[in-house]
N, C-alpha and C. Protein backbone atom coordinates (compact mmCIF):
# COMPACT_ATOMS: atom_id res chain seq x y z
N MET A 1 -19.58 9.02 -86.47
CA MET A 1 -19.49 8.25 -84.79
C MET A 1 -21.45 8.41 -84.69
N PHE A 2 -21.68 9.04 -85.17
CA PHE A 2 -23.35 8.63 -84.66
C PHE A 2 -23.45 7.04 -85.31
N GLU A 3 -22.87 6.69 -86.77
CA GLU A 3 -23.55 5.48 -87.08
C GLU A 3 -22.20 4.70 -86.20
N ALA A 4 -21.36 4.36 -86.46
CA ALA A 4 -21.21 3.65 -85.30
C ALA A 4 -21.74 3.09 -83.62
N VAL A 5 -21.80 4.39 -83.21
CA VAL A 5 -22.77 3.96 -81.92
C VAL A 5 -24.10 3.55 -82.44
N GLY A 6 -24.77 3.61 -83.71
CA GLY A 6 -25.92 2.90 -83.92
C GLY A 6 -26.12 1.04 -84.35
N ARG A 7 -24.22 1.19 -84.88
CA ARG A 7 -24.33 -0.07 -85.17
C ARG A 7 -23.88 -0.59 -84.19
N GLY A 8 -23.39 0.14 -82.99
CA GLY A 8 -22.64 -0.77 -81.95
C GLY A 8 -23.91 -0.67 -81.11
N TRP A 9 -25.15 -0.13 -81.03
CA TRP A 9 -26.36 -0.70 -80.51
C TRP A 9 -27.17 -1.75 -81.04
N PHE A 10 -27.31 -2.01 -81.74
CA PHE A 10 -28.12 -2.73 -83.01
C PHE A 10 -27.25 -4.49 -82.69
N PHE A 11 -25.97 -4.30 -83.29
CA PHE A 11 -25.29 -5.99 -83.20
C PHE A 11 -24.34 -6.03 -81.86
N GLU A 12 -24.28 -5.11 -80.86
CA GLU A 12 -23.60 -5.86 -79.76
C GLU A 12 -24.00 -5.29 -78.07
N TRP A 13 -24.30 -4.38 -78.14
CA TRP A 13 -25.13 -3.34 -77.06
C TRP A 13 -26.52 -3.40 -76.53
N ARG A 14 -27.09 -3.94 -77.11
CA ARG A 14 -28.59 -3.93 -77.24
C ARG A 14 -29.00 -4.42 -75.44
N GLY A 15 -29.85 -3.49 -75.15
CA GLY A 15 -29.83 -4.14 -74.16
C GLY A 15 -29.65 -2.62 -72.92
N LEU A 16 -28.38 -2.20 -73.15
CA LEU A 16 -27.52 -1.26 -72.78
C LEU A 16 -28.14 0.31 -72.66
N PRO A 17 -28.60 0.36 -71.72
CA PRO A 17 -28.90 1.85 -71.71
C PRO A 17 -27.83 2.95 -72.05
N PHE A 18 -28.48 3.79 -73.29
CA PHE A 18 -27.76 4.79 -73.90
C PHE A 18 -27.95 6.46 -73.99
N ARG A 19 -27.89 7.20 -73.88
CA ARG A 19 -28.91 8.15 -75.31
C ARG A 19 -27.49 9.09 -75.73
N ILE A 20 -28.24 10.04 -76.40
CA ILE A 20 -27.15 10.27 -77.50
C ILE A 20 -27.28 12.18 -77.52
N PHE A 21 -26.66 13.05 -76.81
CA PHE A 21 -26.93 14.34 -77.02
C PHE A 21 -25.83 14.76 -78.12
N SER A 22 -26.34 15.95 -79.14
CA SER A 22 -26.15 16.71 -80.30
C SER A 22 -26.35 18.15 -80.20
N GLY A 23 -25.30 18.93 -80.15
CA GLY A 23 -25.75 20.14 -80.49
C GLY A 23 -24.46 21.37 -80.27
N CYS A 24 -25.07 22.30 -81.34
CA CYS A 24 -23.81 23.08 -81.41
C CYS A 24 -24.05 24.29 -81.07
N ALA A 25 -23.23 25.28 -80.05
CA ALA A 25 -22.86 26.37 -80.21
C ALA A 25 -22.20 27.22 -80.35
N GLY A 26 -22.67 28.70 -80.22
CA GLY A 26 -21.39 29.33 -80.37
C GLY A 26 -21.34 30.90 -79.96
N TRP A 27 -19.73 31.91 -79.33
CA TRP A 27 -19.80 32.70 -78.69
C TRP A 27 -19.12 33.35 -79.06
N GLY A 28 -19.11 35.08 -79.34
CA GLY A 28 -18.33 35.63 -79.00
C GLY A 28 -16.92 35.89 -77.73
N PRO A 29 -15.92 36.05 -78.57
CA PRO A 29 -14.95 36.59 -77.05
C PRO A 29 -15.95 36.79 -75.62
N LYS A 30 -15.47 36.09 -74.49
CA LYS A 30 -16.54 36.86 -73.53
C LYS A 30 -17.58 36.36 -73.51
N GLN A 31 -18.14 36.02 -74.50
CA GLN A 31 -20.22 36.13 -74.12
C GLN A 31 -20.23 35.29 -73.00
N LEU A 32 -19.91 34.47 -73.27
CA LEU A 32 -20.14 33.57 -71.81
C LEU A 32 -19.76 33.42 -70.89
N GLU A 33 -18.82 34.06 -70.65
CA GLU A 33 -18.47 34.47 -69.65
C GLU A 33 -19.49 35.41 -68.32
N GLY A 34 -19.97 36.68 -69.57
CA GLY A 34 -21.27 37.31 -69.77
C GLY A 34 -22.29 36.94 -68.67
N GLU A 35 -22.53 36.23 -69.55
CA GLU A 35 -24.02 35.26 -69.62
C GLU A 35 -23.82 34.73 -68.72
N LEU A 36 -22.95 34.07 -67.87
CA LEU A 36 -22.61 33.57 -66.93
C LEU A 36 -22.80 34.31 -65.39
N ALA A 37 -22.16 34.95 -65.69
CA ALA A 37 -21.90 35.98 -64.54
C ALA A 37 -23.58 36.82 -64.27
N ARG A 38 -24.03 37.20 -65.45
CA ARG A 38 -25.53 37.77 -65.38
C ARG A 38 -26.35 36.26 -64.58
N GLY A 39 -25.95 35.75 -64.80
CA GLY A 39 -26.88 34.21 -64.30
C GLY A 39 -28.54 33.89 -65.16
N ASP A 40 -27.32 34.05 -66.87
CA ASP A 40 -28.97 33.51 -68.18
C ASP A 40 -28.78 31.96 -67.78
N TRP A 41 -27.53 31.43 -67.28
CA TRP A 41 -27.88 29.89 -67.45
C TRP A 41 -27.79 29.30 -66.10
N TYR A 42 -28.66 28.51 -65.91
CA TYR A 42 -28.73 27.29 -64.97
C TYR A 42 -27.40 26.32 -65.21
N HIS A 43 -26.66 25.64 -63.32
CA HIS A 43 -25.55 25.37 -63.67
C HIS A 43 -25.21 23.97 -62.56
N ARG A 44 -25.38 23.22 -63.33
CA ARG A 44 -25.15 22.15 -61.84
C ARG A 44 -23.86 20.86 -62.13
N PRO A 45 -23.67 20.98 -60.94
CA PRO A 45 -22.71 18.93 -61.34
C PRO A 45 -23.83 18.39 -61.90
N ALA A 46 -22.91 17.20 -62.64
CA ALA A 46 -23.30 16.40 -63.73
C ALA A 46 -23.43 15.07 -62.57
N THR A 47 -25.14 14.48 -62.84
CA THR A 47 -25.15 13.55 -61.97
C THR A 47 -25.72 12.20 -63.30
N THR A 48 -25.13 11.11 -62.48
CA THR A 48 -25.71 9.53 -63.52
C THR A 48 -27.52 9.91 -63.19
N GLU A 49 -27.88 10.57 -62.13
CA GLU A 49 -29.35 10.65 -62.27
C GLU A 49 -30.17 11.86 -63.67
N ALA A 50 -29.37 12.36 -63.61
CA ALA A 50 -29.46 13.41 -64.58
C ALA A 50 -28.98 12.49 -65.95
N LEU A 51 -28.28 11.85 -65.96
CA LEU A 51 -28.09 11.60 -67.54
C LEU A 51 -28.58 10.15 -68.03
N PHE A 52 -29.55 9.49 -66.74
CA PHE A 52 -30.37 8.28 -67.10
C PHE A 52 -31.31 8.46 -66.93
N TYR A 53 -31.69 9.42 -66.41
CA TYR A 53 -33.49 9.83 -66.01
C TYR A 53 -34.43 8.93 -66.66
N ASP A 54 -34.99 8.17 -66.28
CA ASP A 54 -36.26 7.64 -66.34
C ASP A 54 -36.62 7.93 -67.84
N ASP A 55 -36.85 8.83 -67.55
CA ASP A 55 -38.00 10.17 -68.95
C ASP A 55 -36.78 10.04 -69.65
N PRO A 56 -36.52 10.71 -70.84
CA PRO A 56 -35.98 11.57 -71.02
C PRO A 56 -37.02 13.10 -71.52
N TYR A 57 -37.69 12.97 -71.42
CA TYR A 57 -38.60 13.85 -72.11
C TYR A 57 -38.96 14.81 -70.80
N GLU A 58 -39.08 13.76 -69.49
CA GLU A 58 -39.29 15.00 -68.18
C GLU A 58 -37.89 15.14 -67.88
N VAL A 59 -36.55 15.35 -67.93
CA VAL A 59 -35.60 15.59 -67.38
C VAL A 59 -35.13 17.13 -67.62
N TRP A 60 -35.52 17.78 -68.27
CA TRP A 60 -35.44 19.66 -68.08
C TRP A 60 -36.38 19.79 -66.99
N ASP A 61 -37.58 19.46 -66.84
CA ASP A 61 -38.46 19.84 -65.44
C ASP A 61 -37.79 19.62 -64.58
N HIS A 62 -37.41 18.49 -64.00
CA HIS A 62 -36.66 18.08 -63.01
C HIS A 62 -35.70 18.90 -62.99
N MET A 63 -34.34 18.53 -63.68
CA MET A 63 -33.13 19.15 -62.96
C MET A 63 -33.67 20.60 -63.25
N VAL A 64 -34.50 21.55 -63.41
CA VAL A 64 -34.71 22.98 -62.86
C VAL A 64 -35.29 23.34 -61.73
N ARG A 65 -36.19 21.79 -61.28
CA ARG A 65 -36.86 22.22 -60.33
C ARG A 65 -35.26 22.01 -58.67
N LYS A 66 -34.83 21.64 -59.31
CA LYS A 66 -33.50 21.06 -58.49
C LYS A 66 -32.50 22.47 -58.12
N VAL A 67 -32.71 23.18 -59.25
CA VAL A 67 -31.56 24.62 -59.04
C VAL A 67 -32.25 25.19 -57.97
């Protein structure tokens, strides 16, 4: 998939803003629910502002200030 996106950007989508987010996480049964109930996670509704924030290195700090 990443290769297809890279080719698309290089050959077809030049100038279109996009970011690639990648990662992997795993939880045991009910672990995530417990973490959410304890308040271990920040969560907010998704916004285009967060996805396309001007500086990708500053977006975390910006979003934490909004919590």
